[in-house]
PDB file of N, CA and C in Angstrom:
ATOM      1  N   MET A   1      11.603  12.281 -48.775  1.00  0.00           N
ATOM      2  CA  MET A   1      11.414  11.352 -47.691  1.00  0.00           C
ATOM      3  C   MET A   1      12.795  10.853 -47.256  1.00  0.00           C
ATOM      4  N   GLY A   2      12.991  10.652 -45.961  1.00  0.00           N
ATOM      5  CA  GLY A   2      14.273  10.203 -45.428  1.00  0.00           C
ATOM      6  C   GLY A   2      14.464   8.704 -45.585  1.00  0.00           C
ATOM      7  N   PRO A   3      15.611   8.210 -45.148  1.00  0.00           N
ATOM      8  CA  PRO A   3      15.912   6.779 -45.274  1.00  0.00           C
ATOM      9  C   PRO A   3      14.965   5.926 -44.434  1.00  0.00           C
ATOM     10  N   ASP A   4      14.727   4.688 -44.874  1.00  0.00           N
ATOM     11  CA  ASP A   4      13.850   3.743 -44.173  1.00  0.00           C
ATOM     12  C   ASP A   4      14.738   2.757 -43.407  1.00  0.00           C
ATOM     13  N   PHE A   5      14.727   2.853 -42.098  1.00  0.00           N
ATOM     14  CA  PHE A   5      15.577   2.010 -41.255  1.00  0.00           C
ATOM     15  C   PHE A   5      14.869   0.754 -40.766  1.00  0.00           C
ATOM     16  N   ARG A   6      13.621   0.525 -41.161  1.00  0.00           N
ATOM     17  CA  ARG A   6      12.857  -0.604 -40.642  1.00  0.00           C
ATOM     18  C   ARG A   6      13.474  -1.956 -40.959  1.00  0.00           C
ATOM     19  N   SER A   7      14.168  -2.087 -42.040  1.00  0.00           N
ATOM     20  CA  SER A   7      14.736  -3.394 -42.411  1.00  0.00           C
ATOM     21  C   SER A   7      16.148  -3.593 -41.853  1.00  0.00           C
ATOM     22  N   ASP A   8      16.732  -2.573 -41.217  1.00  0.00           N
ATOM     23  CA  ASP A   8      18.068  -2.725 -40.631  1.00  0.00           C
ATOM     24  C   ASP A   8      18.000  -3.647 -39.407  1.00  0.00           C
ATOM     25  N   PRO A   9      18.968  -4.561 -39.273  1.00  0.00           N
ATOM     26  CA  PRO A   9      18.957  -5.470 -38.120  1.00  0.00           C
ATOM     27  C   PRO A   9      19.222  -4.709 -36.814  1.00  0.00           C
ATOM     28  N   MET A  10      18.553  -5.156 -35.761  1.00  0.00           N
ATOM     29  CA  MET A  10      18.737  -4.598 -34.423  1.00  0.00           C
ATOM     30  C   MET A  10      18.893  -5.752 -33.447  1.00  0.00           C
ATOM     31  N   ASP A  11      19.624  -5.513 -32.357  1.00  0.00           N
ATOM     32  CA  ASP A  11      19.757  -6.529 -31.315  1.00  0.00           C
ATOM     33  C   ASP A  11      18.405  -6.797 -30.651  1.00  0.00           C
ATOM     34  N   SER A  12      17.629  -5.729 -30.456  1.00  0.00           N
ATOM     35  CA  SER A  12      16.306  -5.851 -29.833  1.00  0.00           C
ATOM     36  C   SER A  12      15.542  -4.566 -30.110  1.00  0.00           C
ATOM     37  N   ALA A  13      14.334  -4.481 -29.603  1.00  0.00           N
ATOM     38  CA  ALA A  13      13.559  -3.244 -29.741  1.00  0.00           C
ATOM     39  C   ALA A  13      14.248  -2.090 -29.016  1.00  0.00           C
ATOM     40  N   GLU A  14      15.113  -2.433 -28.063  1.00  0.00           N
ATOM     41  CA  GLU A  14      15.868  -1.426 -27.310  1.00  0.00           C
ATOM     42  C   GLU A  14      17.155  -1.034 -28.032  1.00  0.00           C
ATOM     43  N   GLY A  15      17.408  -1.556 -29.205  1.00  0.00           N
ATOM     44  CA  GLY A  15      18.682  -1.320 -29.876  1.00  0.00           C
ATOM     45  C   GLY A  15      19.727  -2.227 -29.243  1.00  0.00           C
ATOM     46  N   ARG A  16      20.818  -1.660 -28.826  1.00  0.00           N
ATOM     47  CA  ARG A  16      21.860  -2.459 -28.177  1.00  0.00           C
ATOM     48  C   ARG A  16      21.705  -2.480 -26.660  1.00  0.00           C
ATOM     49  N   GLY A  17      20.721  -1.814 -26.136  1.00  0.00           N
ATOM     50  CA  GLY A  17      20.446  -1.851 -24.695  1.00  0.00           C
ATOM     51  C   GLY A  17      21.336  -0.960 -23.860  1.00  0.00           C
ATOM     52  N   VAL A  18      21.953   0.035 -24.468  1.00  0.00           N
ATOM     53  CA  VAL A  18      22.855   0.936 -23.739  1.00  0.00           C
ATOM     54  C   VAL A  18      22.095   1.684 -22.646  1.00  0.00           C
ATOM     55  N   ALA A  19      20.963   2.256 -22.984  1.00  0.00           N
ATOM     56  CA  ALA A  19      20.180   3.013 -22.006  1.00  0.00           C
ATOM     57  C   ALA A  19      19.663   2.093 -20.901  1.00  0.00           C
ATOM     58  N   GLN A  20      19.231   0.882 -21.255  1.00  0.00           N
ATOM     59  CA  GLN A  20      18.719  -0.062 -20.258  1.00  0.00           C
ATOM     60  C   GLN A  20      19.816  -0.467 -19.278  1.00  0.00           C
ATOM     61  N   ARG A  21      21.023  -0.735 -19.766  1.00  0.00           N
ATOM     62  CA  ARG A  21      22.136  -1.103 -18.879  1.00  0.00           C
ATOM     63  C   ARG A  21      22.492   0.051 -17.954  1.00  0.00           C
ATOM     64  N   ALA A  22      22.488   1.271 -18.477  1.00  0.00           N
ATOM     65  CA  ALA A  22      22.781   2.440 -17.637  1.00  0.00           C
ATOM     66  C   ALA A  22      21.727   2.592 -16.553  1.00  0.00           C
ATOM     67  N   TRP A  23      20.453   2.414 -16.918  1.00  0.00           N
ATOM     68  CA  TRP A  23      19.370   2.507 -15.945  1.00  0.00           C
ATOM     69  C   TRP A  23      19.481   1.419 -14.886  1.00  0.00           C
ATOM     70  N   ASP A  24      19.769   0.193 -15.307  1.00  0.00           N
ATOM     71  CA  ASP A  24      19.914  -0.917 -14.359  1.00  0.00           C
ATOM     72  C   ASP A  24      21.063  -0.662 -13.384  1.00  0.00           C
ATOM     73  N   ALA A  25      22.181  -0.138 -13.885  1.00  0.00           N
ATOM     74  CA  ALA A  25      23.317   0.170 -13.018  1.00  0.00           C
ATOM     75  C   ALA A  25      22.948   1.260 -12.011  1.00  0.00           C
ATOM     76  N   TYR A  26      22.240   2.282 -12.473  1.00  0.00           N
ATOM     77  CA  TYR A  26      21.803   3.365 -11.598  1.00  0.00           C
ATOM     78  C   TYR A  26      20.877   2.833 -10.509  1.00  0.00           C
ATOM     79  N   GLN A  27      19.867   2.055 -10.917  1.00  0.00           N
ATOM     80  CA  GLN A  27      18.920   1.499  -9.944  1.00  0.00           C
ATOM     81  C   GLN A  27      19.625   0.617  -8.929  1.00  0.00           C
ATOM     82  N   GLY A  28      20.553  -0.200  -9.404  1.00  0.00           N
ATOM     83  CA  GLY A  28      21.289  -1.070  -8.495  1.00  0.00           C
ATOM     84  C   GLY A  28      22.065  -0.277  -7.467  1.00  0.00           C
ATOM     85  N   GLY A  29      22.710   0.805  -7.907  1.00  0.00           N
ATOM     86  CA  GLY A  29      23.453   1.664  -6.981  1.00  0.00           C
ATOM     87  C   GLY A  29      22.551   2.345  -5.978  1.00  0.00           C
ATOM     88  N   VAL A  30      21.411   2.829  -6.448  1.00  0.00           N
ATOM     89  CA  VAL A  30      20.465   3.499  -5.550  1.00  0.00           C
ATOM     90  C   VAL A  30      19.914   2.507  -4.525  1.00  0.00           C
ATOM     91  N   ARG A  31      19.544   1.314  -4.982  1.00  0.00           N
ATOM     92  CA  ARG A  31      19.026   0.301  -4.050  1.00  0.00           C
ATOM     93  C   ARG A  31      20.064  -0.068  -3.001  1.00  0.00           C
ATOM     94  N   LYS A  32      21.302  -0.218  -3.440  1.00  0.00           N
ATOM     95  CA  LYS A  32      22.372  -0.601  -2.513  1.00  0.00           C
ATOM     96  C   LYS A  32      22.594   0.498  -1.479  1.00  0.00           C
ATOM     97  N   ALA A  33      22.563   1.757  -1.932  1.00  0.00           N
ATOM     98  CA  ALA A  33      22.817   2.874  -1.034  1.00  0.00           C
ATOM     99  C   ALA A  33      21.632   3.188  -0.129  1.00  0.00           C
ATOM    100  N   LEU A  34      20.434   3.164  -0.693  1.00  0.00           N
ATOM    101  CA  LEU A  34      19.262   3.592   0.071  1.00  0.00           C
ATOM    102  C   LEU A  34      18.466   2.443   0.685  1.00  0.00           C
ATOM    103  N   GLY A  35      18.679   1.227   0.205  1.00  0.00           N
ATOM    104  CA  GLY A  35      17.917   0.084   0.706  1.00  0.00           C
ATOM    105  C   GLY A  35      17.879  -0.035   2.215  1.00  0.00           C
ATOM    106  N   PRO A  36      19.030   0.018   2.887  1.00  0.00           N
ATOM    107  CA  PRO A  36      19.004  -0.098   4.351  1.00  0.00           C
ATOM    108  C   PRO A  36      18.247   1.028   5.049  1.00  0.00           C
ATOM    109  N   ILE A  37      18.158   2.175   4.400  1.00  0.00           N
ATOM    110  CA  ILE A  37      17.439   3.315   4.993  1.00  0.00           C
ATOM    111  C   ILE A  37      15.946   3.230   4.702  1.00  0.00           C
ATOM    112  N   VAL A  38      15.605   2.908   3.457  1.00  0.00           N
ATOM    113  CA  VAL A  38      14.215   2.935   3.004  1.00  0.00           C
ATOM    114  C   VAL A  38      13.426   1.711   3.464  1.00  0.00           C
ATOM    115  N   ARG A  39      14.056   0.556   3.508  1.00  0.00           N
ATOM    116  CA  ARG A  39      13.337  -0.688   3.831  1.00  0.00           C
ATOM    117  C   ARG A  39      12.593  -0.631   5.165  1.00  0.00           C
ATOM    118  N   PRO A  40      13.227  -0.211   6.258  1.00  0.00           N
ATOM    119  CA  PRO A  40      12.473  -0.165   7.520  1.00  0.00           C
ATOM    120  C   PRO A  40      11.269   0.786   7.470  1.00  0.00           C
ATOM    121  N   VAL A  41      11.419   1.881   6.759  1.00  0.00           N
ATOM    122  CA  VAL A  41      10.306   2.830   6.615  1.00  0.00           C
ATOM    123  C   VAL A  41       9.184   2.196   5.804  1.00  0.00           C
ATOM    124  N   ALA A  42       9.543   1.550   4.699  1.00  0.00           N
ATOM    125  CA  ALA A  42       8.540   0.919   3.838  1.00  0.00           C
ATOM    126  C   ALA A  42       7.816  -0.199   4.574  1.00  0.00           C
ATOM    127  N   VAL A  43       8.547  -0.997   5.331  1.00  0.00           N
ATOM    128  CA  VAL A  43       7.919  -2.087   6.096  1.00  0.00           C
ATOM    129  C   VAL A  43       6.963  -1.504   7.128  1.00  0.00           C
ATOM    130  N   GLY A  44       7.390  -0.474   7.812  1.00  0.00           N
ATOM    131  CA  GLY A  44       6.519   0.167   8.805  1.00  0.00           C
ATOM    132  C   GLY A  44       5.254   0.732   8.182  1.00  0.00           C
ATOM    133  N   GLN A  45       5.394   1.370   7.014  1.00  0.00           N
ATOM    134  CA  GLN A  45       4.224   1.914   6.316  1.00  0.00           C
ATOM    135  C   GLN A  45       3.272   0.803   5.896  1.00  0.00           C
ATOM    136  N   ALA A  46       3.817  -0.287   5.387  1.00  0.00           N
ATOM    137  CA  ALA A  46       2.969  -1.416   4.962  1.00  0.00           C
ATOM    138  C   ALA A  46       2.201  -1.986   6.149  1.00  0.00           C
ATOM    139  N   ILE A  47       2.874  -2.143   7.273  1.00  0.00           N
ATOM    140  CA  ILE A  47       2.207  -2.665   8.477  1.00  0.00           C
ATOM    141  C   ILE A  47       1.107  -1.711   8.926  1.00  0.00           C
ATOM    142  N   ASP A  48       1.387  -0.419   8.921  1.00  0.00           N
ATOM    143  CA  ASP A  48       0.375   0.576   9.306  1.00  0.00           C
ATOM    144  C   ASP A  48      -0.848   0.503   8.388  1.00  0.00           C
ATOM    145  N   LEU A  49      -0.620   0.378   7.079  1.00  0.00           N
ATOM    146  CA  LEU A  49      -1.730   0.368   6.128  1.00  0.00           C
ATOM    147  C   LEU A  49      -2.559  -0.909   6.232  1.00  0.00           C
ATOM    148  N   VAL A  50      -1.923  -2.042   6.470  1.00  0.00           N
ATOM    149  CA  VAL A  50      -2.676  -3.285   6.657  1.00  0.00           C
ATOM    150  C   VAL A  50      -3.509  -3.186   7.932  1.00  0.00           C
ATOM    151  N   GLY A  51      -2.920  -2.656   8.986  1.00  0.00           N
ATOM    152  CA  GLY A  51      -3.666  -2.467  10.231  1.00  0.00           C
ATOM    153  C   GLY A  51      -4.838  -1.519  10.059  1.00  0.00           C
ATOM    154  N   PHE A  52      -4.613  -0.421   9.359  1.00  0.00           N
ATOM    155  CA  PHE A  52      -5.699   0.530   9.092  1.00  0.00           C
ATOM    156  C   PHE A  52      -6.824  -0.148   8.336  1.00  0.00           C
ATOM    157  N   TRP A  53      -6.461  -0.926   7.314  1.00  0.00           N
ATOM    158  CA  TRP A  53      -7.466  -1.641   6.521  1.00  0.00           C
ATOM    159  C   TRP A  53      -8.285  -2.587   7.404  1.00  0.00           C
ATOM    160  N   CYS A  54      -7.609  -3.319   8.284  1.00  0.00           N
ATOM    161  CA  CYS A  54      -8.318  -4.249   9.181  1.00  0.00           C
ATOM    162  C   CYS A  54      -9.288  -3.503  10.085  1.00  0.00           C
ATOM    163  N   VAL A  55      -8.813  -2.438  10.719  1.00  0.00           N
ATOM    164  CA  VAL A  55      -9.676  -1.673  11.628  1.00  0.00           C
ATOM    165  C   VAL A  55     -10.818  -1.032  10.853  1.00  0.00           C
ATOM    166  N   TRP A  56     -10.547  -0.541   9.652  1.00  0.00           N
ATOM    167  CA  TRP A  56     -11.594   0.045   8.800  1.00  0.00           C
ATOM    168  C   TRP A  56     -12.731  -0.955   8.615  1.00  0.00           C
ATOM    169  N   HIS A  57     -12.390  -2.183   8.258  1.00  0.00           N
ATOM    170  CA  HIS A  57     -13.409  -3.195   7.967  1.00  0.00           C
ATOM    171  C   HIS A  57     -14.043  -3.783   9.230  1.00  0.00           C
ATOM    172  N   LEU A  58     -13.276  -3.912  10.295  1.00  0.00           N
ATOM    173  CA  LEU A  58     -13.830  -4.488  11.524  1.00  0.00           C
ATOM    174  C   LEU A  58     -14.754  -3.524  12.264  1.00  0.00           C
ATOM    175  N   HIS A  59     -14.542  -2.223  12.060  1.00  0.00           N
ATOM    176  CA  HIS A  59     -15.340  -1.233  12.788  1.00  0.00           C
ATOM    177  C   HIS A  59     -16.315  -0.468  11.897  1.00  0.00           C
ATOM    178  N   GLY A  60     -16.507  -0.909  10.668  1.00  0.00           N
ATOM    179  CA  GLY A  60     -17.565  -0.331   9.845  1.00  0.00           C
ATOM    180  C   GLY A  60     -17.183   0.900   9.065  1.00  0.00           C
ATOM    181  N   GLY A  61     -15.926   1.067   8.720  1.00  0.00           N
ATOM    182  CA  GLY A  61     -15.525   2.162   7.853  1.00  0.00           C
ATOM    183  C   GLY A  61     -15.388   3.492   8.556  1.00  0.00           C
ATOM    184  N   PHE A  62     -15.645   4.559   7.811  1.00  0.00           N
ATOM    185  CA  PHE A  62     -15.404   5.923   8.282  1.00  0.00           C
ATOM    186  C   PHE A  62     -16.141   6.227   9.589  1.00  0.00           C
ATOM    187  N   ASP A  63     -17.443   5.977   9.629  1.00  0.00           N
ATOM    188  CA  ASP A  63     -18.212   6.280  10.838  1.00  0.00           C
ATOM    189  C   ASP A  63     -17.747   5.445  12.028  1.00  0.00           C
ATOM    190  N   GLY A  64     -17.401   4.206  11.775  1.00  0.00           N
ATOM    191  CA  GLY A  64     -16.905   3.351  12.842  1.00  0.00           C
ATOM    192  C   GLY A  64     -15.593   3.853  13.417  1.00  0.00           C
ATOM    193  N   LEU A  65     -14.722   4.357  12.571  1.00  0.00           N
ATOM    194  CA  LEU A  65     -13.457   4.900  13.058  1.00  0.00           C
ATOM    195  C   LEU A  65     -13.677   6.186  13.838  1.00  0.00           C
ATOM    196  N   LEU A  66     -14.656   6.977  13.419  1.00  0.00           N
ATOM    197  CA  LEU A  66     -15.007   8.167  14.202  1.00  0.00           C
ATOM    198  C   LEU A  66     -15.486   7.761  15.598  1.00  0.00           C
ATOM    199  N   LYS A  67     -16.357   6.761  15.669  1.00  0.00           N
ATOM    200  CA  LYS A  67     -16.857   6.279  16.963  1.00  0.00           C
ATOM    201  C   LYS A  67     -15.735   5.687  17.810  1.00  0.00           C
ATOM    202  N   LEU A  68     -14.749   5.136  17.149  1.00  0.00           N
ATOM    203  CA  LEU A  68     -13.591   4.568  17.838  1.00  0.00           C
ATOM    204  C   LEU A  68     -12.734   5.664  18.461  1.00  0.00           C
ATOM    205  N   GLY A  69     -12.912   6.899  17.980  1.00  0.00           N
ATOM    206  CA  GLY A  69     -12.174   8.038  18.529  1.00  0.00           C
ATOM    207  C   GLY A  69     -11.101   8.594  17.618  1.00  0.00           C
ATOM    208  N   MET A  70     -11.041   8.115  16.377  1.00  0.00           N
ATOM    209  CA  MET A  70     -10.040   8.600  15.434  1.00  0.00           C
ATOM    210  C   MET A  70     -10.530   9.926  14.839  1.00  0.00           C
ATOM    211  N   PRO A  71      -9.686  10.953  14.843  1.00  0.00           N
ATOM    212  CA  PRO A  71     -10.092  12.236  14.252  1.00  0.00           C
ATOM    213  C   PRO A  71     -10.332  12.121  12.744  1.00  0.00           C
ATOM    214  N   ARG A  72     -11.262  12.927  12.257  1.00  0.00           N
ATOM    215  CA  ARG A  72     -11.609  12.921  10.826  1.00  0.00           C
ATOM    216  C   ARG A  72     -10.369  13.119   9.958  1.00  0.00           C
ATOM    217  N   SER A  73      -9.548  14.083  10.322  1.00  0.00           N
ATOM    218  CA  SER A  73      -8.368  14.378   9.513  1.00  0.00           C
ATOM    219  C   SER A  73      -7.418  13.182   9.468  1.00  0.00           C
ATOM    220  N   THR A  74      -7.319  12.440  10.547  1.00  0.00           N
ATOM    221  CA  THR A  74      -6.458  11.250  10.574  1.00  0.00           C
ATOM    222  C   THR A  74      -7.022  10.163   9.668  1.00  0.00           C
ATOM    223  N   ILE A  75      -8.341  10.013   9.664  1.00  0.00           N
ATOM    224  CA  ILE A  75      -8.967   9.022   8.789  1.00  0.00           C
ATOM    225  C   ILE A  75      -8.695   9.381   7.332  1.00  0.00           C
ATOM    226  N   TYR A  76      -8.929  10.652   6.978  1.00  0.00           N
ATOM    227  CA  TYR A  76      -8.677  11.092   5.603  1.00  0.00           C
ATOM    228  C   TYR A  76      -7.207  10.895   5.225  1.00  0.00           C
ATOM    229  N   PHE A  77      -6.297  11.180   6.159  1.00  0.00           N
ATOM    230  CA  PHE A  77      -4.874  11.013   5.918  1.00  0.00           C
ATOM    231  C   PHE A  77      -4.548   9.552   5.602  1.00  0.00           C
ATOM    232  N   HIS A  78      -5.090   8.624   6.397  1.00  0.00           N
ATOM    233  CA  HIS A  78      -4.827   7.199   6.179  1.00  0.00           C
ATOM    234  C   HIS A  78      -5.484   6.689   4.895  1.00  0.00           C
ATOM    235  N   VAL A  79      -6.678   7.172   4.598  1.00  0.00           N
ATOM    236  CA  VAL A  79      -7.328   6.771   3.342  1.00  0.00           C
ATOM    237  C   VAL A  79      -6.477   7.221   2.153  1.00  0.00           C
ATOM    238  N   LYS A  80      -5.965   8.442   2.204  1.00  0.00           N
ATOM    239  CA  LYS A  80      -5.118   8.939   1.117  1.00  0.00           C
ATOM    240  C   LYS A  80      -3.856   8.091   0.996  1.00  0.00           C
ATOM    241  N   LYS A  81      -3.206   7.780   2.123  1.00  0.00           N
ATOM    242  CA  LYS A  81      -2.002   6.937   2.082  1.00  0.00           C
ATOM    243  C   LYS A  81      -2.322   5.567   1.497  1.00  0.00           C
ATOM    244  N   PHE A  82      -3.458   5.012   1.892  1.00  0.00           N
ATOM    245  CA  PHE A  82      -3.861   3.695   1.397  1.00  0.00           C
ATOM    246  C   PHE A  82      -4.094   3.744  -0.105  1.00  0.00           C
ATOM    247  N   ARG A  83      -4.823   4.748  -0.559  1.00  0.00           N
ATOM    248  CA  ARG A  83      -5.121   4.868  -1.995  1.00  0.00           C
ATOM    249  C   ARG A  83      -3.848   5.103  -2.800  1.00  0.00           C
ATOM    250  N   THR A  84      -2.916   5.854  -2.245  1.00  0.00           N
ATOM    251  CA  THR A  84      -1.646   6.091  -2.922  1.00  0.00           C
ATOM    252  C   THR A  84      -0.865   4.788  -3.055  1.00  0.00           C
ATOM    253  N   ALA A  85      -0.855   3.989  -2.012  1.00  0.00           N
ATOM    254  CA  ALA A  85      -0.082   2.748  -2.014  1.00  0.00           C
ATOM    255  C   ALA A  85      -0.737   1.639  -2.822  1.00  0.00           C
ATOM    256  N   TYR A  86      -2.065   1.493  -2.714  1.00  0.00           N
ATOM    257  CA  TYR A  86      -2.751   0.349  -3.321  1.00  0.00           C
ATOM    258  C   TYR A  86      -3.634   0.713  -4.515  1.00  0.00           C
ATOM    259  N   GLY A  87      -3.816   2.001  -4.778  1.00  0.00           N
ATOM    260  CA  GLY A  87      -4.545   2.425  -5.958  1.00  0.00           C
ATOM    261  C   GLY A  87      -6.051   2.350  -5.855  1.00  0.00           C
ATOM    262  N   VAL A  88      -6.568   2.070  -4.666  1.00  0.00           N
ATOM    263  CA  VAL A  88      -8.017   1.939  -4.491  1.00  0.00           C
ATOM    264  C   VAL A  88      -8.366   2.281  -3.041  1.00  0.00           C
ATOM    265  N   HIS A  89      -9.596   2.685  -2.824  1.00  0.00           N
ATOM    266  CA  HIS A  89     -10.083   3.017  -1.489  1.00  0.00           C
ATOM    267  C   HIS A  89     -10.077   1.762  -0.608  1.00  0.00           C
ATOM    268  N   PRO A  90      -9.761   1.885   0.682  1.00  0.00           N
ATOM    269  CA  PRO A  90      -9.713   0.695   1.541  1.00  0.00           C
ATOM    270  C   PRO A  90     -11.042  -0.062   1.607  1.00  0.00           C
ATOM    271  N   ASP A  91     -12.136   0.625   1.381  1.00  0.00           N
ATOM    272  CA  ASP A  91     -13.448  -0.026   1.420  1.00  0.00           C
ATOM    273  C   ASP A  91     -13.631  -1.006   0.260  1.00  0.00           C
ATOM    274  N   GLU A  92     -12.914  -0.765  -0.840  1.00  0.00           N
ATOM    275  CA  GLU A  92     -13.067  -1.581  -2.045  1.00  0.00           C
ATOM    276  C   GLU A  92     -11.940  -2.602  -2.207  1.00  0.00           C
ATOM    277  N   PHE A  93     -10.979  -2.598  -1.297  1.00  0.00           N
ATOM    278  CA  PHE A  93      -9.796  -3.437  -1.451  1.00  0.00           C
ATOM    279  C   PHE A  93      -9.934  -4.722  -0.640  1.00  0.00           C
ATOM    280  N   GLN A  94      -9.375  -5.799  -1.174  1.00  0.00           N
ATOM    281  CA  GLN A  94      -9.318  -7.068  -0.451  1.00  0.00           C
ATOM    282  C   GLN A  94      -7.900  -7.604  -0.546  1.00  0.00           C
ATOM    283  N   PHE A  95      -7.253  -7.805   0.596  1.00  0.00           N
ATOM    284  CA  PHE A  95      -5.923  -8.402   0.594  1.00  0.00           C
ATOM    285  C   PHE A  95      -6.048  -9.886   0.317  1.00  0.00           C
ATOM    286  N   ALA A  96      -5.254 -10.373  -0.607  1.00  0.00           N
ATOM    287  CA  ALA A  96      -5.207 -11.811  -0.871  1.00  0.00           C
ATOM    288  C   ALA A  96      -4.665 -12.505   0.374  1.00  0.00           C
ATOM    289  N   GLY A  97      -5.372 -13.526   0.823  1.00  0.00           N
ATOM    290  CA  GLY A  97      -4.914 -14.297   1.973  1.00  0.00           C
ATOM    291  C   GLY A  97      -5.389 -13.778   3.308  1.00  0.00           C
ATOM    292  N   ILE A  98      -6.076 -12.648   3.336  1.00  0.00           N
ATOM    293  CA  ILE A  98      -6.586 -12.124   4.609  1.00  0.00           C
ATOM    294  C   ILE A  98      -8.108 -12.151   4.558  1.00  0.00           C
ATOM    295  N   ALA A  99      -8.698 -12.925   5.449  1.00  0.00           N
ATOM    296  CA  ALA A  99     -10.156 -12.982   5.571  1.00  0.00           C
ATOM    297  C   ALA A  99     -10.510 -12.557   6.991  1.00  0.00           C
ATOM    298  N   LEU A 100     -11.330 -11.535   7.111  1.00  0.00           N
ATOM    299  CA  LEU A 100     -11.733 -11.047   8.428  1.00  0.00           C
ATOM    300  C   LEU A 100     -13.010 -11.742   8.877  1.00  0.00           C
ATOM    301  N   ASP A 101     -12.993 -12.255  10.081  1.00  0.00           N
ATOM    302  CA  ASP A 101     -14.174 -12.875  10.677  1.00  0.00           C
ATOM    303  C   ASP A 101     -14.720 -11.890  11.706  1.00  0.00           C
ATOM    304  N   ARG A 102     -15.609 -11.016  11.245  1.00  0.00           N
ATOM    305  CA  ARG A 102     -16.132  -9.960  12.106  1.00  0.00           C
ATOM    306  C   ARG A 102     -16.881 -10.512  13.316  1.00  0.00           C
ATOM    307  N   GLU A 103     -17.660 -11.564  13.089  1.00  0.00           N
ATOM    308  CA  GLU A 103     -18.417 -12.147  14.203  1.00  0.00           C
ATOM    309  C   GLU A 103     -17.479 -12.661  15.280  1.00  0.00           C
ATOM    310  N   ALA A 104     -16.429 -13.347  14.896  1.00  0.00           N
ATOM    311  CA  ALA A 104     -15.455 -13.859  15.870  1.00  0.00           C
ATOM    312  C   ALA A 104     -14.744 -12.706  16.564  1.00  0.00           C
ATOM    313  N   TYR A 105     -14.429 -11.662  15.815  1.00  0.00           N
ATOM    314  CA  TYR A 105     -13.757 -10.490  16.395  1.00  0.00           C
ATOM    315  C   TYR A 105     -14.607  -9.868  17.491  1.00  0.00           C
ATOM    316  N   TRP A 106     -15.885  -9.654  17.189  1.00  0.00           N
ATOM    317  CA  TRP A 106     -16.759  -9.021  18.170  1.00  0.00           C
ATOM    318  C   TRP A 106     -17.096  -9.965  19.322  1.00  0.00           C
ATOM    319  N   ALA A 107     -17.176 -11.253  19.053  1.00  0.00           N
ATOM    320  CA  ALA A 107     -17.490 -12.227  20.105  1.00  0.00           C
ATOM    321  C   ALA A 107     -16.302 -12.456  21.043  1.00  0.00           C
ATOM    322  N   ALA A 108     -15.089 -12.180  20.574  1.00  0.00           N
ATOM    323  CA  ALA A 108     -13.890 -12.474  21.358  1.00  0.00           C
ATOM    324  C   ALA A 108     -13.710 -11.560  22.556  1.00  0.00           C
ATOM    325  N   GLY A 109     -14.329 -10.434  22.556  1.00  0.00           N
ATOM    326  CA  GLY A 109     -14.145  -9.522  23.675  1.00  0.00           C
ATOM    327  C   GLY A 109     -14.933  -8.251  23.502  1.00  0.00           C
ATOM    328  N   ASP A 110     -14.673  -7.357  24.396  1.00  0.00           N
ATOM    329  CA  ASP A 110     -15.366  -6.081  24.391  1.00  0.00           C
ATOM    330  C   ASP A 110     -14.626  -5.127  23.470  1.00  0.00           C
ATOM    331  N   ASN A 111     -14.918  -5.196  22.178  1.00  0.00           N
ATOM    332  CA  ASN A 111     -14.217  -4.396  21.174  1.00  0.00           C
ATOM    333  C   ASN A 111     -14.979  -3.139  20.778  1.00  0.00           C
ATOM    334  N   ARG A 112     -16.193  -3.036  21.225  1.00  0.00           N
ATOM    335  CA  ARG A 112     -16.998  -1.890  20.808  1.00  0.00           C
ATOM    336  C   ARG A 112     -16.599  -0.654  21.615  1.00  0.00           C
ATOM    337  N   PRO A 113     -16.216   0.425  20.927  1.00  0.00           N
ATOM    338  CA  PRO A 113     -15.696   1.589  21.641  1.00  0.00           C
ATOM    339  C   PRO A 113     -16.681   2.243  22.580  1.00  0.00           C
ATOM    340  N   ASN A 114     -17.965   2.232  22.248  1.00  0.00           N
ATOM    341  CA  ASN A 114     -18.955   2.906  23.086  1.00  0.00           C
ATOM    342  C   ASN A 114     -19.586   1.988  24.124  1.00  0.00           C
ATOM    343  N   ASP A 115     -19.248   0.717  24.103  1.00  0.00           N
ATOM    344  CA  ASP A 115     -19.848  -0.243  25.020  1.00  0.00           C
ATOM    345  C   ASP A 115     -18.826  -0.821  25.998  1.00  0.00           C
ATOM    346  N   ARG A 116     -17.724  -0.141  26.215  1.00  0.00           N
ATOM    347  CA  ARG A 116     -16.674  -0.664  27.079  1.00  0.00           C
ATOM    348  C   ARG A 116     -17.155  -0.736  28.515  1.00  0.00           C
ATOM    349  N   LYS A 117     -16.761  -1.803  29.180  1.00  0.00           N
ATOM    350  CA  LYS A 117     -17.114  -1.977  30.585  1.00  0.00           C
ATOM    351  C   LYS A 117     -16.287  -1.043  31.434  1.00  0.00           C
ATOM    352  N   LYS A 118     -16.881  -0.468  32.419  1.00  0.00           N
ATOM    353  CA  LYS A 118     -16.168   0.401  33.363  1.00  0.00           C
ATOM    354  C   LYS A 118     -15.376  -0.486  34.313  1.00  0.00           C
ATOM    355  N   LYS A 119     -14.142  -0.089  34.565  1.00  0.00           N
ATOM    356  CA  LYS A 119     -13.299  -0.876  35.481  1.00  0.00           C
ATOM    357  C   LYS A 119     -13.355  -0.322  36.875  1.00  0.00           C
TER     358      LYS A 119
END
């Protein structure tokens, strides 16, 4: 049997933290270099996904988006992006701080895609 190192003192469970410091330095450099490029893309994606979630719930999910005129492939694409970002289907997700008032939404105007008034 080899030596038992369990009783030897350590600075932490990470040892002296050499690998952690190297990782932190790497991440800091990457964030500094890529942050200005990635941030606008990430913000845009987040806004798109929140909007998709709102429209999904206000128009009744998949069938409602089809009636709205969104192609099936686009719906599937957005559902996949949403699930990748939030880990759950948009139908099962609830954003903290966002409450949709469907009755007020529909009462506020002509929002129904198939019932639009002719101009």
